PDB file of all heavy atoms in Angstrom:
ATOM      1  N   PHE A   1      81.869 121.623  93.867  1.00  0.00           N
ATOM      2  CA  PHE A   1      82.414 120.308  94.199  1.00  0.00           C
ATOM      3  C   PHE A   1      81.324 119.245  94.177  1.00  0.00           C
ATOM      4  O   PHE A   1      80.319 119.337  94.886  1.00  0.00           O
ATOM      5  CB  PHE A   1      83.086 120.336  95.576  1.00  0.00           C
ATOM      6  CG  PHE A   1      83.577 118.993  96.039  1.00  0.00           C
ATOM      7  CD1 PHE A   1      84.611 118.359  95.382  1.00  0.00           C
ATOM      8  CD2 PHE A   1      82.994 118.364  97.131  1.00  0.00           C
ATOM      9  CE1 PHE A   1      85.072 117.119  95.797  1.00  0.00           C
ATOM     10  CE2 PHE A   1      83.444 117.123  97.563  1.00  0.00           C
ATOM     11  CZ  PHE A   1      84.483 116.507  96.884  1.00  0.00           C
ATOM     12  N   ARG A   2      81.501 118.244  93.336  1.00  0.00           N
ATOM     13  CA  ARG A   2      80.558 117.137  93.217  1.00  0.00           C
ATOM     14  C   ARG A   2      81.372 115.840  93.146  1.00  0.00           C
ATOM     15  O   ARG A   2      81.895 115.494  92.077  1.00  0.00           O
ATOM     16  CB  ARG A   2      79.701 117.269  91.951  1.00  0.00           C
ATOM     17  CG  ARG A   2      78.842 118.512  91.891  1.00  0.00           C
ATOM     18  CD  ARG A   2      77.681 118.447  92.891  1.00  0.00           C
ATOM     19  NE  ARG A   2      76.807 119.590  92.760  1.00  0.00           N
ATOM     20  CZ  ARG A   2      77.010 120.769  93.344  1.00  0.00           C
ATOM     21  NH1 ARG A   2      78.070 120.943  94.123  1.00  0.00           N
ATOM     22  NH2 ARG A   2      76.156 121.765  93.187  1.00  0.00           N
ATOM     23  N   PRO A   3      81.507 115.118  94.249  1.00  0.00           N
ATOM     24  CA  PRO A   3      82.352 113.913  94.238  1.00  0.00           C
ATOM     25  C   PRO A   3      81.874 112.852  93.261  1.00  0.00           C
ATOM     26  O   PRO A   3      82.656 112.005  92.825  1.00  0.00           O
ATOM     27  CB  PRO A   3      82.273 113.417  95.691  1.00  0.00           C
ATOM     28  CG  PRO A   3      81.040 114.033  96.250  1.00  0.00           C
ATOM     29  CD  PRO A   3      80.885 115.344  95.564  1.00  0.00           C
ATOM     30  N   GLU A   4      80.578 112.894  92.875  1.00  0.00           N
ATOM     31  CA  GLU A   4      80.080 111.901  91.925  1.00  0.00           C
ATOM     32  C   GLU A   4      80.675 112.083  90.532  1.00  0.00           C
ATOM     33  O   GLU A   4      80.535 111.210  89.668  1.00  0.00           O
ATOM     34  CB  GLU A   4      78.549 111.941  91.849  1.00  0.00           C
ATOM     35  CG  GLU A   4      77.962 113.272  91.420  1.00  0.00           C
ATOM     36  CD  GLU A   4      77.681 114.207  92.591  1.00  0.00           C
ATOM     37  OE1 GLU A   4      78.256 113.985  93.676  1.00  0.00           O
ATOM     38  OE2 GLU A   4      76.896 115.140  92.420  1.00  0.00           O
ATOM     39  N   ASN A   5      81.363 113.195  90.288  1.00  0.00           N
ATOM     40  CA  ASN A   5      82.014 113.419  88.993  1.00  0.00           C
ATOM     41  C   ASN A   5      83.384 112.739  88.899  1.00  0.00           C
ATOM     42  O   ASN A   5      84.097 112.924  87.915  1.00  0.00           O
ATOM     43  CB  ASN A   5      82.175 114.914  88.725  1.00  0.00           C
ATOM     44  CG  ASN A   5      80.860 115.577  88.370  1.00  0.00           C
ATOM     45  OD1 ASN A   5      79.938 114.931  87.883  1.00  0.00           O
ATOM     46  ND2 ASN A   5      80.757 116.870  88.618  1.00  0.00           N
ATOM     47  N   VAL A   6      83.751 111.976  89.916  1.00  0.00           N
ATOM     48  CA  VAL A   6      85.001 111.230  89.864  1.00  0.00           C
ATOM     49  C   VAL A   6      84.943 110.234  88.704  1.00  0.00           C
ATOM     50  O   VAL A   6      83.891 109.661  88.408  1.00  0.00           O
ATOM     51  CB  VAL A   6      85.257 110.504  91.202  1.00  0.00           C
ATOM     52  CG1 VAL A   6      84.196 109.465  91.485  1.00  0.00           C
ATOM     53  CG2 VAL A   6      86.631 109.846  91.210  1.00  0.00           C
ATOM     54  N   MET A   7      86.074 110.044  88.037  1.00  0.00           N
ATOM     55  CA  MET A   7      86.143 109.127  86.900  1.00  0.00           C
ATOM     56  C   MET A   7      87.241 108.096  87.123  1.00  0.00           C
ATOM     57  O   MET A   7      88.316 108.419  87.650  1.00  0.00           O
ATOM     58  CB  MET A   7      86.395 109.893  85.600  1.00  0.00           C
ATOM     59  CG  MET A   7      85.261 110.816  85.195  1.00  0.00           C
ATOM     60  SD  MET A   7      85.502 111.502  83.541  1.00  0.00           S
ATOM     61  CE  MET A   7      85.331 110.034  82.531  1.00  0.00           C
ATOM     62  N   GLY A   8      86.963 106.863  86.714  1.00  0.00           N
ATOM     63  CA  GLY A   8      87.951 105.798  86.808  1.00  0.00           C
ATOM     64  C   GLY A   8      88.794 105.743  85.546  1.00  0.00           C
ATOM     65  O   GLY A   8      88.262 105.730  84.437  1.00  0.00           O
ATOM     66  N   VAL A   9      90.099 105.721  85.714  1.00  0.00           N
ATOM     67  CA  VAL A   9      90.995 105.703  84.554  1.00  0.00           C
ATOM     68  C   VAL A   9      92.150 104.749  84.831  1.00  0.00           C
ATOM     69  O   VAL A   9      92.656 104.659  85.950  1.00  0.00           O
ATOM     70  CB  VAL A   9      91.534 107.124  84.243  1.00  0.00           C
ATOM     71  CG1 VAL A   9      92.192 107.744  85.459  1.00  0.00           C
ATOM     72  CG2 VAL A   9      92.529 107.099  83.088  1.00  0.00           C
ATOM     73  N   TYR A  10      92.538 104.025  83.804  1.00  0.00           N
ATOM     74  CA  TYR A  10      93.732 103.195  83.862  1.00  0.00           C
ATOM     75  C   TYR A  10      94.891 103.983  83.256  1.00  0.00           C
ATOM     76  O   TYR A  10      94.843 104.367  82.081  1.00  0.00           O
ATOM     77  CB  TYR A  10      93.527 101.898  83.080  1.00  0.00           C
ATOM     78  CG  TYR A  10      92.668 100.879  83.793  1.00  0.00           C
ATOM     79  CD1 TYR A  10      91.347 100.646  83.409  1.00  0.00           C
ATOM     80  CD2 TYR A  10      93.179 100.144  84.857  1.00  0.00           C
ATOM     81  CE1 TYR A  10      90.563  99.705  84.059  1.00  0.00           C
ATOM     82  CE2 TYR A  10      92.400  99.195  85.515  1.00  0.00           C
ATOM     83  CZ  TYR A  10      91.101  98.985  85.116  1.00  0.00           C
ATOM     84  OH  TYR A  10      90.340  98.063  85.770  1.00  0.00           O
ATOM     85  N   LEU A  11      95.920 104.243  84.064  1.00  0.00           N
ATOM     86  CA  LEU A  11      97.068 105.026  83.612  1.00  0.00           C
ATOM     87  C   LEU A  11      98.188 104.102  83.145  1.00  0.00           C
ATOM     88  O   LEU A  11      98.417 103.042  83.729  1.00  0.00           O
ATOM     89  CB  LEU A  11      97.569 105.924  84.737  1.00  0.00           C
ATOM     90  CG  LEU A  11      96.588 107.001  85.206  1.00  0.00           C
ATOM     91  CD1 LEU A  11      97.215 107.844  86.318  1.00  0.00           C
ATOM     92  CD2 LEU A  11      96.163 107.897  84.051  1.00  0.00           C
ATOM     93  N   PRO A  12      98.905 104.502  82.080  1.00  0.00           N
ATOM     94  CA  PRO A  12      99.926 103.622  81.500  1.00  0.00           C
ATOM     95  C   PRO A  12     101.264 103.699  82.231  1.00  0.00           C
ATOM     96  O   PRO A  12     101.788 104.776  82.504  1.00  0.00           O
ATOM     97  CB  PRO A  12     100.067 104.181  80.074  1.00  0.00           C
ATOM     98  CG  PRO A  12      99.779 105.642  80.229  1.00  0.00           C
ATOM     99  CD  PRO A  12      98.746 105.752  81.317  1.00  0.00           C
ATOM    100  N   TYR A  13     101.787 102.556  82.549  1.00  0.00           N
ATOM    101  CA  TYR A  13     103.117 102.423  83.133  1.00  0.00           C
ATOM    102  C   TYR A  13     103.839 101.286  82.422  1.00  0.00           C
ATOM    103  O   TYR A  13     103.224 100.505  81.685  1.00  0.00           O
ATOM    104  CB  TYR A  13     103.039 102.100  84.624  1.00  0.00           C
ATOM    105  CG  TYR A  13     102.653 103.260  85.499  1.00  0.00           C
ATOM    106  CD1 TYR A  13     101.315 103.617  85.649  1.00  0.00           C
ATOM    107  CD2 TYR A  13     103.610 103.991  86.188  1.00  0.00           C
ATOM    108  CE1 TYR A  13     100.952 104.687  86.461  1.00  0.00           C
ATOM    109  CE2 TYR A  13     103.257 105.057  87.005  1.00  0.00           C
ATOM    110  CZ  TYR A  13     101.923 105.394  87.134  1.00  0.00           C
ATOM    111  OH  TYR A  13     101.578 106.454  87.936  1.00  0.00           O
ATOM    112  N   MET A  14     105.135 101.218  82.637  1.00  0.00           N
ATOM    113  CA  MET A  14     105.885 100.020  82.278  1.00  0.00           C
ATOM    114  C   MET A  14     106.564  99.498  83.535  1.00  0.00           C
ATOM    115  O   MET A  14     107.083 100.282  84.333  1.00  0.00           O
ATOM    116  CB  MET A  14     106.900 100.305  81.172  1.00  0.00           C
ATOM    117  CG  MET A  14     106.259 100.405  79.799  1.00  0.00           C
ATOM    118  SD  MET A  14     107.423 100.286  78.416  1.00  0.00           S
ATOM    119  CE  MET A  14     107.867 102.004  78.219  1.00  0.00           C
ATOM    120  N   THR A  15     106.505  98.187  83.732  1.00  0.00           N
ATOM    121  CA  THR A  15     107.273  97.584  84.815  1.00  0.00           C
ATOM    122  C   THR A  15     108.599  97.121  84.234  1.00  0.00           C
ATOM    123  O   THR A  15     108.658  96.626  83.100  1.00  0.00           O
ATOM    124  CB  THR A  15     106.542  96.393  85.451  1.00  0.00           C
ATOM    125  OG1 THR A  15     106.401  95.338  84.487  1.00  0.00           O
ATOM    126  CG2 THR A  15     105.161  96.803  85.948  1.00  0.00           C
ATOM    127  N   VAL A  16     109.646  97.290  85.004  1.00  0.00           N
ATOM    128  CA  VAL A  16     110.969  96.908  84.525  1.00  0.00           C
ATOM    129  C   VAL A  16     111.696  96.146  85.620  1.00  0.00           C
ATOM    130  O   VAL A  16     111.705  96.542  86.783  1.00  0.00           O
ATOM    131  CB  VAL A  16     111.785  98.148  84.064  1.00  0.00           C
ATOM    132  CG1 VAL A  16     111.898  99.191  85.162  1.00  0.00           C
ATOM    133  CG2 VAL A  16     113.172  97.738  83.579  1.00  0.00           C
ATOM    134  N   ASP A  17     112.264  95.004  85.237  1.00  0.00           N
ATOM    135  CA  ASP A  17     113.175  94.245  86.107  1.00  0.00           C
ATOM    136  C   ASP A  17     114.590  94.606  85.672  1.00  0.00           C
ATOM    137  O   ASP A  17     114.879  94.670  84.464  1.00  0.00           O
ATOM    138  CB  ASP A  17     112.960  92.745  85.955  1.00  0.00           C
ATOM    139  CG  ASP A  17     111.528  92.334  86.264  1.00  0.00           C
ATOM    140  OD1 ASP A  17     110.915  92.981  87.134  1.00  0.00           O
ATOM    141  OD2 ASP A  17     111.027  91.375  85.646  1.00  0.00           O
ATOM    142  N   GLY A  18     115.468  94.821  86.627  1.00  0.00           N
ATOM    143  CA  GLY A  18     116.814  95.249  86.270  1.00  0.00           C
ATOM    144  C   GLY A  18     117.917  94.443  86.926  1.00  0.00           C
ATOM    145  O   GLY A  18     117.860  94.172  88.130  1.00  0.00           O
ATOM    146  N   ASN A  19     118.897  94.034  86.132  1.00  0.00           N
ATOM    147  CA  ASN A  19     120.150  93.467  86.616  1.00  0.00           C
ATOM    148  C   ASN A  19     121.157  94.609  86.542  1.00  0.00           C
ATOM    149  O   ASN A  19     121.661  94.944  85.473  1.00  0.00           O
ATOM    150  CB  ASN A  19     120.560  92.284  85.746  1.00  0.00           C
ATOM    151  CG  ASN A  19     121.899  91.699  86.152  1.00  0.00           C
ATOM    152  OD1 ASN A  19     122.375  91.909  87.268  1.00  0.00           O
ATOM    153  ND2 ASN A  19     122.535  90.969  85.243  1.00  0.00           N
ATOM    154  N   VAL A  20     121.428  95.240  87.693  1.00  0.00           N
ATOM    155  CA  VAL A  20     122.062  96.560  87.720  1.00  0.00           C
ATOM    156  C   VAL A  20     123.331  96.544  88.564  1.00  0.00           C
ATOM    157  O   VAL A  20     123.385  95.896  89.618  1.00  0.00           O
ATOM    158  CB  VAL A  20     121.064  97.607  88.293  1.00  0.00           C
ATOM    159  CG1 VAL A  20     121.720  98.973  88.450  1.00  0.00           C
ATOM    160  CG2 VAL A  20     119.840  97.713  87.404  1.00  0.00           C
ATOM    161  N   SER A  21     124.344  97.272  88.112  1.00  0.00           N
ATOM    162  CA  SER A  21     125.544  97.538  88.905  1.00  0.00           C
ATOM    163  C   SER A  21     125.663  99.046  89.103  1.00  0.00           C
ATOM    164  O   SER A  21     125.395  99.824  88.183  1.00  0.00           O
ATOM    165  CB  SER A  21     126.797  97.012  88.200  1.00  0.00           C
ATOM    166  OG  SER A  21     126.727  95.604  88.032  1.00  0.00           O
ATOM    167  N   ALA A  22     126.062  99.456  90.298  1.00  0.00           N
ATOM    168  CA  ALA A  22     126.159 100.893  90.591  1.00  0.00           C
ATOM    169  C   ALA A  22     127.437 101.172  91.370  1.00  0.00           C
ATOM    170  O   ALA A  22     127.935 100.324  92.127  1.00  0.00           O
ATOM    171  CB  ALA A  22     124.945 101.364  91.383  1.00  0.00           C
ATOM    172  N   ARG A  23     127.962 102.389  91.164  1.00  0.00           N
ATOM    173  CA  ARG A  23     129.106 102.860  91.947  1.00  0.00           C
ATOM    174  C   ARG A  23     128.764 104.236  92.509  1.00  0.00           C
ATOM    175  O   ARG A  23     128.318 105.123  91.768  1.00  0.00           O
ATOM    176  CB  ARG A  23     130.369 102.949  91.089  1.00  0.00           C
ATOM    177  CG  ARG A  23     131.530 103.632  91.817  1.00  0.00           C
ATOM    178  CD  ARG A  23     132.829 103.588  91.057  1.00  0.00           C
ATOM    179  NE  ARG A  23     133.863 104.372  91.735  1.00  0.00           N
ATOM    180  CZ  ARG A  23     135.168 104.290  91.496  1.00  0.00           C
ATOM    181  NH1 ARG A  23     135.595 103.437  90.564  1.00  0.00           N
ATOM    182  NH2 ARG A  23     136.020 105.029  92.156  1.00  0.00           N
ATOM    183  N   LEU A  24     128.972 104.390  93.819  1.00  0.00           N
ATOM    184  CA  LEU A  24     128.717 105.658  94.495  1.00  0.00           C
ATOM    185  C   LEU A  24     130.000 106.152  95.133  1.00  0.00           C
ATOM    186  O   LEU A  24     130.661 105.398  95.863  1.00  0.00           O
ATOM    187  CB  LEU A  24     127.633 105.497  95.572  1.00  0.00           C
ATOM    188  CG  LEU A  24     126.304 104.868  95.146  1.00  0.00           C
ATOM    189  CD1 LEU A  24     125.404 104.681  96.354  1.00  0.00           C
ATOM    190  CD2 LEU A  24     125.622 105.722  94.092  1.00  0.00           C
ATOM    191  N   ASP A  25     130.381 107.398  94.863  1.00  0.00           N
ATOM    192  CA  ASP A  25     131.568 108.013  95.462  1.00  0.00           C
ATOM    193  C   ASP A  25     131.150 109.280  96.193  1.00  0.00           C
ATOM    194  O   ASP A  25     130.388 110.101  95.665  1.00  0.00           O
ATOM    195  CB  ASP A  25     132.599 108.369  94.385  1.00  0.00           C
ATOM    196  CG  ASP A  25     133.173 107.139  93.702  1.00  0.00           C
ATOM    197  OD1 ASP A  25     134.028 106.486  94.312  1.00  0.00           O
ATOM    198  OD2 ASP A  25     132.741 106.836  92.574  1.00  0.00           O
ATOM    199  N   GLY A  26     131.667 109.431  97.411  1.00  0.00           N
ATOM    200  CA  GLY A  26     131.298 110.615  98.168  1.00  0.00           C
ATOM    201  C   GLY A  26     132.215 110.854  99.344  1.00  0.00           C
ATOM    202  O   GLY A  26     133.307 110.294  99.445  1.00  0.00           O
ATOM    203  N   VAL A  27     131.729 111.686 100.271  1.00  0.00           N
ATOM    204  CA  VAL A  27     132.485 112.069 101.455  1.00  0.00           C
ATOM    205  C   VAL A  27     131.633 111.797 102.683  1.00  0.00           C
ATOM    206  O   VAL A  27     130.465 112.192 102.747  1.00  0.00           O
ATOM    207  CB  VAL A  27     132.866 113.561 101.406  1.00  0.00           C
ATOM    208  CG1 VAL A  27     133.549 113.982 102.702  1.00  0.00           C
ATOM    209  CG2 VAL A  27     133.759 113.846 100.214  1.00  0.00           C
ATOM    210  N   GLY A  28     132.207 111.084 103.672  1.00  0.00           N
ATOM    211  CA  GLY A  28     131.521 110.805 104.928  1.00  0.00           C
ATOM    212  C   GLY A  28     132.230 111.475 106.089  1.00  0.00           C
ATOM    213  O   GLY A  28     133.454 111.662 106.066  1.00  0.00           O
TER     214      GLY A  28
END
C-alpha cells in the first residue's frame, strides 16, 4: 500500500435535464 500512487482522473458523464411524466400503480 502506497497512497502516493493515487491518480487523478476525470470520468465521463452526461448531465440530462428532463421534462418527464410518470405513472405509478400499486397497492397500499
